[in-house]
Amino acid sequence: MLVNAGLGVVFASGTAFTAFMLITSWGGTSWLCTTAFSVVTCGLALLRGRRRTWPAAAGLAVAA
């Protein structure tokens, strides 16, 4: 439980930092797609202990 909370903080910080950097460098709405994929992939990573293989498979599909 504590590990998932820590990972959630790290994932949220990384996603926010990446979105900020994309907003300041490219501008516009270029950050929306990256942020959406990041949120989905991080959410699947947090489900890793509750399910077996479908979160990993879904994460690979999102990355592809």
C-alpha atoms as a PDB file:
ATOM      1  CA  MET A   1       0.000   0.000   0.000  1.00  0.00           C
ATOM      2  CA  LEU A   2       2.760   2.447   0.944  1.00  0.00           C
ATOM      3  CA  VAL A   3       4.757   1.485  -2.152  1.00  0.00           C
ATOM      4  CA  ASN A   4       1.778   2.258  -4.399  1.00  0.00           C
ATOM      5  CA  ALA A   5       1.326   5.635  -2.712  1.00  0.00           C
ATOM      6  CA  GLY A   6       4.998   6.445  -3.299  1.00  0.00           C
ATOM      7  CA  LEU A   7       4.798   5.315  -6.906  1.00  0.00           C
ATOM      8  CA  GLY A   8       1.665   7.403  -7.372  1.00  0.00           C
ATOM      9  CA  VAL A   9       3.502  10.501  -6.144  1.00  0.00           C
ATOM     10  CA  VAL A  10       6.456   9.803  -8.432  1.00  0.00           C
ATOM     11  CA  PHE A  11       4.159   9.134 -11.409  1.00  0.00           C
ATOM     12  CA  ALA A  12       2.142  12.306 -10.779  1.00  0.00           C
ATOM     13  CA  SER A  13       5.296  14.402 -10.395  1.00  0.00           C
ATOM     14  CA  GLY A  14       6.833  13.010 -13.568  1.00  0.00           C
ATOM     15  CA  THR A  15       3.642  13.468 -15.554  1.00  0.00           C
ATOM     16  CA  ALA A  16       3.189  17.047 -14.329  1.00  0.00           C
ATOM     17  CA  PHE A  17       6.830  17.920 -15.067  1.00  0.00           C
ATOM     18  CA  THR A  18       6.658  16.459 -18.566  1.00  0.00           C
ATOM     19  CA  ALA A  19       3.402  18.277 -19.302  1.00  0.00           C
ATOM     20  CA  PHE A  20       4.899  21.550 -18.030  1.00  0.00           C
ATOM     21  CA  MET A  21       8.007  21.138 -20.162  1.00  0.00           C
ATOM     22  CA  LEU A  22       5.928  20.375 -23.256  1.00  0.00           C
ATOM     23  CA  ILE A  23       3.687  23.384 -22.627  1.00  0.00           C
ATOM     24  CA  THR A  24       6.642  25.746 -22.230  1.00  0.00           C
ATOM     25  CA  SER A  25       8.673  24.393 -25.147  1.00  0.00           C
ATOM     26  CA  TRP A  26       6.149  23.514 -27.871  1.00  0.00           C
ATOM     27  CA  GLY A  27       3.095  25.352 -26.603  1.00  0.00           C
ATOM     28  CA  GLY A  28      -0.451  24.742 -27.708  1.00  0.00           C
ATOM     29  CA  THR A  29      -2.097  21.451 -26.917  1.00  0.00           C
ATOM     30  CA  SER A  30       0.836  19.183 -27.764  1.00  0.00           C
ATOM     31  CA  TRP A  31       0.986  18.040 -24.143  1.00  0.00           C
ATOM     32  CA  LEU A  32      -2.543  16.566 -24.043  1.00  0.00           C
ATOM     33  CA  CYS A  33      -1.825  13.305 -25.883  1.00  0.00           C
ATOM     34  CA  THR A  34       1.370  12.619 -23.937  1.00  0.00           C
ATOM     35  CA  THR A  35      -0.325  13.344 -20.623  1.00  0.00           C
ATOM     36  CA  ALA A  36      -3.288  11.102 -21.438  1.00  0.00           C
ATOM     37  CA  PHE A  37      -1.039   8.175 -22.378  1.00  0.00           C
ATOM     38  CA  SER A  38       1.073   8.756 -19.285  1.00  0.00           C
ATOM     39  CA  VAL A  39      -1.941   8.711 -16.960  1.00  0.00           C
ATOM     40  CA  VAL A  40      -3.226   5.468 -18.496  1.00  0.00           C
ATOM     41  CA  THR A  41       0.166   3.752 -18.370  1.00  0.00           C
ATOM     42  CA  CYS A  42       0.846   4.865 -14.778  1.00  0.00           C
ATOM     43  CA  GLY A  43      -2.603   3.708 -13.698  1.00  0.00           C
ATOM     44  CA  LEU A  44      -1.946   0.301 -15.222  1.00  0.00           C
ATOM     45  CA  ALA A  45       1.397   0.126 -13.425  1.00  0.00           C
ATOM     46  CA  LEU A  46      -0.356   0.755 -10.115  1.00  0.00           C
ATOM     47  CA  LEU A  47      -2.665  -2.204 -10.823  1.00  0.00           C
ATOM     48  CA  ARG A  48       0.267  -4.583 -11.216  1.00  0.00           C
ATOM     49  CA  GLY A  49      -0.207  -6.330  -7.880  1.00  0.00           C
ATOM     50  CA  ARG A  50      -3.943  -6.942  -8.200  1.00  0.00           C
ATOM     51  CA  ARG A  51      -4.070  -8.565 -11.601  1.00  0.00           C
ATOM     52  CA  ARG A  52      -1.779 -10.869 -13.473  1.00  0.00           C
ATOM     53  CA  THR A  53      -0.948 -10.079 -17.081  1.00  0.00           C
ATOM     54  CA  TRP A  54      -3.562  -7.746 -18.537  1.00  0.00           C
ATOM     55  CA  PRO A  55      -2.118  -4.512 -17.044  1.00  0.00           C
ATOM     56  CA  ALA A  56       1.292  -5.275 -18.542  1.00  0.00           C
ATOM     57  CA  ALA A  57      -0.237  -6.157 -21.894  1.00  0.00           C
ATOM     58  CA  ALA A  58      -2.382  -3.027 -21.875  1.00  0.00           C
ATOM     59  CA  GLY A  59       0.634  -0.875 -20.959  1.00  0.00           C
ATOM     60  CA  LEU A  60       2.596  -2.318 -23.874  1.00  0.00           C
ATOM     61  CA  ALA A  61      -0.339  -1.650 -26.188  1.00  0.00           C
ATOM     62  CA  VAL A  62      -0.535   1.987 -25.037  1.00  0.00           C
ATOM     63  CA  ALA A  63       3.230   2.400 -25.502  1.00  0.00           C
ATOM     64  CA  ALA A  64       3.074   0.894 -28.988  1.00  0.00           C
END
